[in-house]
Every structure is written in C-alpha cells, then in structure tokens.
Amino acid sequence: MKEFFSVLEVANLLKVSRSAVLYNIKSGKLKASQVGKIHIISEEDFGEFLKHHKEKKKREEANQTKLDL
C-alpha cells in the first residue's frame, strides 16, 4: 500500500515552511495530488524530489568549488 504525506509533514521533514512546499508543488518540482482542498505527496514522489534536490545541490557545490580556485 502506498504511503502519502501531507504538505505539513513534508515541510516538517525538510525543515521548510508549508508555503515553500506548496511553491514546489505549484512550480512542478514536487509532484502531488489534490484531494478536495488538500495536497498529498506520495512516498515515491517525495523520494524523487529529494533525489533531484541532492543532485542539484552537489552540482551547485561543484560549480562553486571551481569558482573558488
């Protein structure tokens, strides 16, 4: 059975605001389904978001290191 997270749960896990999670949903960076007035994020979609975010952060750190040389 799939597990789902609420926007507030994702915000708490990422230590960001609820608005930041909603921004990522509306911008298409984080996939979510809307059920009535609430958004739910599947465990799989949250994992993909984290994976993409970590890869992006590594690229940014690598680019900054190159600039510091």
C-alpha atoms as a PDB file:
ATOM      1  CA  MET A   1       0.000   0.000   0.000  1.00  0.00           C
ATOM      2  CA  LYS A   2       1.293   3.462  -0.929  1.00  0.00           C
ATOM      3  CA  GLU A   3       2.121   5.873   1.828  1.00  0.00           C
ATOM      4  CA  PHE A   4       1.267   9.539   1.468  1.00  0.00           C
ATOM      5  CA  PHE A   5       2.460  12.673   3.187  1.00  0.00           C
ATOM      6  CA  SER A   6       0.627  15.910   3.830  1.00  0.00           C
ATOM      7  CA  VAL A   7       2.141  19.264   2.911  1.00  0.00           C
ATOM      8  CA  LEU A   8       2.764  19.939   6.608  1.00  0.00           C
ATOM      9  CA  GLU A   9       4.535  16.585   7.083  1.00  0.00           C
ATOM     10  CA  VAL A  10       6.828  17.269   4.112  1.00  0.00           C
ATOM     11  CA  ALA A  11       7.514  20.784   5.418  1.00  0.00           C
ATOM     12  CA  ASN A  12       8.491  19.371   8.811  1.00  0.00           C
ATOM     13  CA  LEU A  13      10.727  16.710   7.256  1.00  0.00           C
ATOM     14  CA  LEU A  14      12.510  19.287   5.078  1.00  0.00           C
ATOM     15  CA  LYS A  15      12.535  21.948   7.817  1.00  0.00           C
ATOM     16  CA  VAL A  16      10.927  24.490   5.498  1.00  0.00           C
ATOM     17  CA  SER A  17       7.654  26.390   5.569  1.00  0.00           C
ATOM     18  CA  ARG A  18       4.365  24.999   4.346  1.00  0.00           C
ATOM     19  CA  SER A  19       4.419  27.769   1.725  1.00  0.00           C
ATOM     20  CA  ALA A  20       7.765  26.522   0.405  1.00  0.00           C
ATOM     21  CA  VAL A  21       6.316  23.049  -0.131  1.00  0.00           C
ATOM     22  CA  LEU A  22       3.259  24.490  -1.875  1.00  0.00           C
ATOM     23  CA  TYR A  23       5.538  26.617  -4.082  1.00  0.00           C
ATOM     24  CA  ASN A  24       7.448  23.486  -5.149  1.00  0.00           C
ATOM     25  CA  ILE A  25       4.156  21.731  -5.907  1.00  0.00           C
ATOM     26  CA  LYS A  26       2.790  24.637  -7.947  1.00  0.00           C
ATOM     27  CA  SER A  27       6.063  25.058  -9.850  1.00  0.00           C
ATOM     28  CA  GLY A  28       6.030  21.349 -10.753  1.00  0.00           C
ATOM     29  CA  LYS A  29       9.195  20.439  -8.856  1.00  0.00           C
ATOM     30  CA  LEU A  30       7.285  18.266  -6.380  1.00  0.00           C
ATOM     31  CA  LYS A  31       4.500  16.051  -7.672  1.00  0.00           C
ATOM     32  CA  ALA A  32       1.340  15.961  -5.587  1.00  0.00           C
ATOM     33  CA  SER A  33      -2.301  15.003  -5.925  1.00  0.00           C
ATOM     34  CA  GLN A  34      -5.091  17.231  -4.792  1.00  0.00           C
ATOM     35  CA  VAL A  35      -7.850  15.635  -2.756  1.00  0.00           C
ATOM     36  CA  GLY A  36     -10.523  18.199  -2.090  1.00  0.00           C
ATOM     37  CA  LYS A  37      -8.690  21.222  -0.758  1.00  0.00           C
ATOM     38  CA  ILE A  38      -5.549  19.415   0.368  1.00  0.00           C
ATOM     39  CA  HIS A  39      -2.470  18.157  -1.452  1.00  0.00           C
ATOM     40  CA  ILE A  40      -0.975  14.749  -0.756  1.00  0.00           C
ATOM     41  CA  ILE A  41       2.515  13.658  -1.769  1.00  0.00           C
ATOM     42  CA  SER A  42       3.274  10.005  -2.374  1.00  0.00           C
ATOM     43  CA  GLU A  43       6.329   8.455  -0.770  1.00  0.00           C
ATOM     44  CA  GLU A  44       7.689   7.736  -4.252  1.00  0.00           C
ATOM     45  CA  ASP A  45       7.256  11.326  -5.467  1.00  0.00           C
ATOM     46  CA  PHE A  46       8.824  12.698  -2.292  1.00  0.00           C
ATOM     47  CA  GLY A  47      11.806  10.372  -2.794  1.00  0.00           C
ATOM     48  CA  GLU A  48      12.237  11.572  -6.388  1.00  0.00           C
ATOM     49  CA  PHE A  49      12.102  15.192  -5.234  1.00  0.00           C
ATOM     50  CA  LEU A  50      14.801  14.535  -2.616  1.00  0.00           C
ATOM     51  CA  LYS A  51      16.986  12.707  -5.132  1.00  0.00           C
ATOM     52  CA  HIS A  52      16.740  15.555  -7.644  1.00  0.00           C
ATOM     53  CA  HIS A  53      17.351  18.165  -4.931  1.00  0.00           C
ATOM     54  CA  LYS A  54      20.502  16.373  -3.703  1.00  0.00           C
ATOM     55  CA  GLU A  55      21.879  16.079  -7.254  1.00  0.00           C
ATOM     56  CA  LYS A  56      21.226  19.777  -7.881  1.00  0.00           C
ATOM     57  CA  LYS A  57      22.934  20.733  -4.613  1.00  0.00           C
ATOM     58  CA  LYS A  58      26.009  18.635  -5.491  1.00  0.00           C
ATOM     59  CA  ARG A  59      26.257  20.333  -8.903  1.00  0.00           C
ATOM     60  CA  GLU A  60      25.992  23.773  -7.311  1.00  0.00           C
ATOM     61  CA  GLU A  61      28.698  22.916  -4.758  1.00  0.00           C
ATOM     62  CA  ALA A  62      30.966  21.597  -7.512  1.00  0.00           C
ATOM     63  CA  ASN A  63      30.490  24.783  -9.537  1.00  0.00           C
ATOM     64  CA  GLN A  64      31.220  26.945  -6.520  1.00  0.00           C
ATOM     65  CA  THR A  65      34.399  24.985  -5.797  1.00  0.00           C
ATOM     66  CA  LYS A  66      35.573  25.589  -9.372  1.00  0.00           C
ATOM     67  CA  LEU A  67      34.962  29.312  -8.971  1.00  0.00           C
ATOM     68  CA  ASP A  68      36.917  29.447  -5.716  1.00  0.00           C
ATOM     69  CA  LEU A  69      40.067  28.135  -7.410  1.00  0.00           C
END
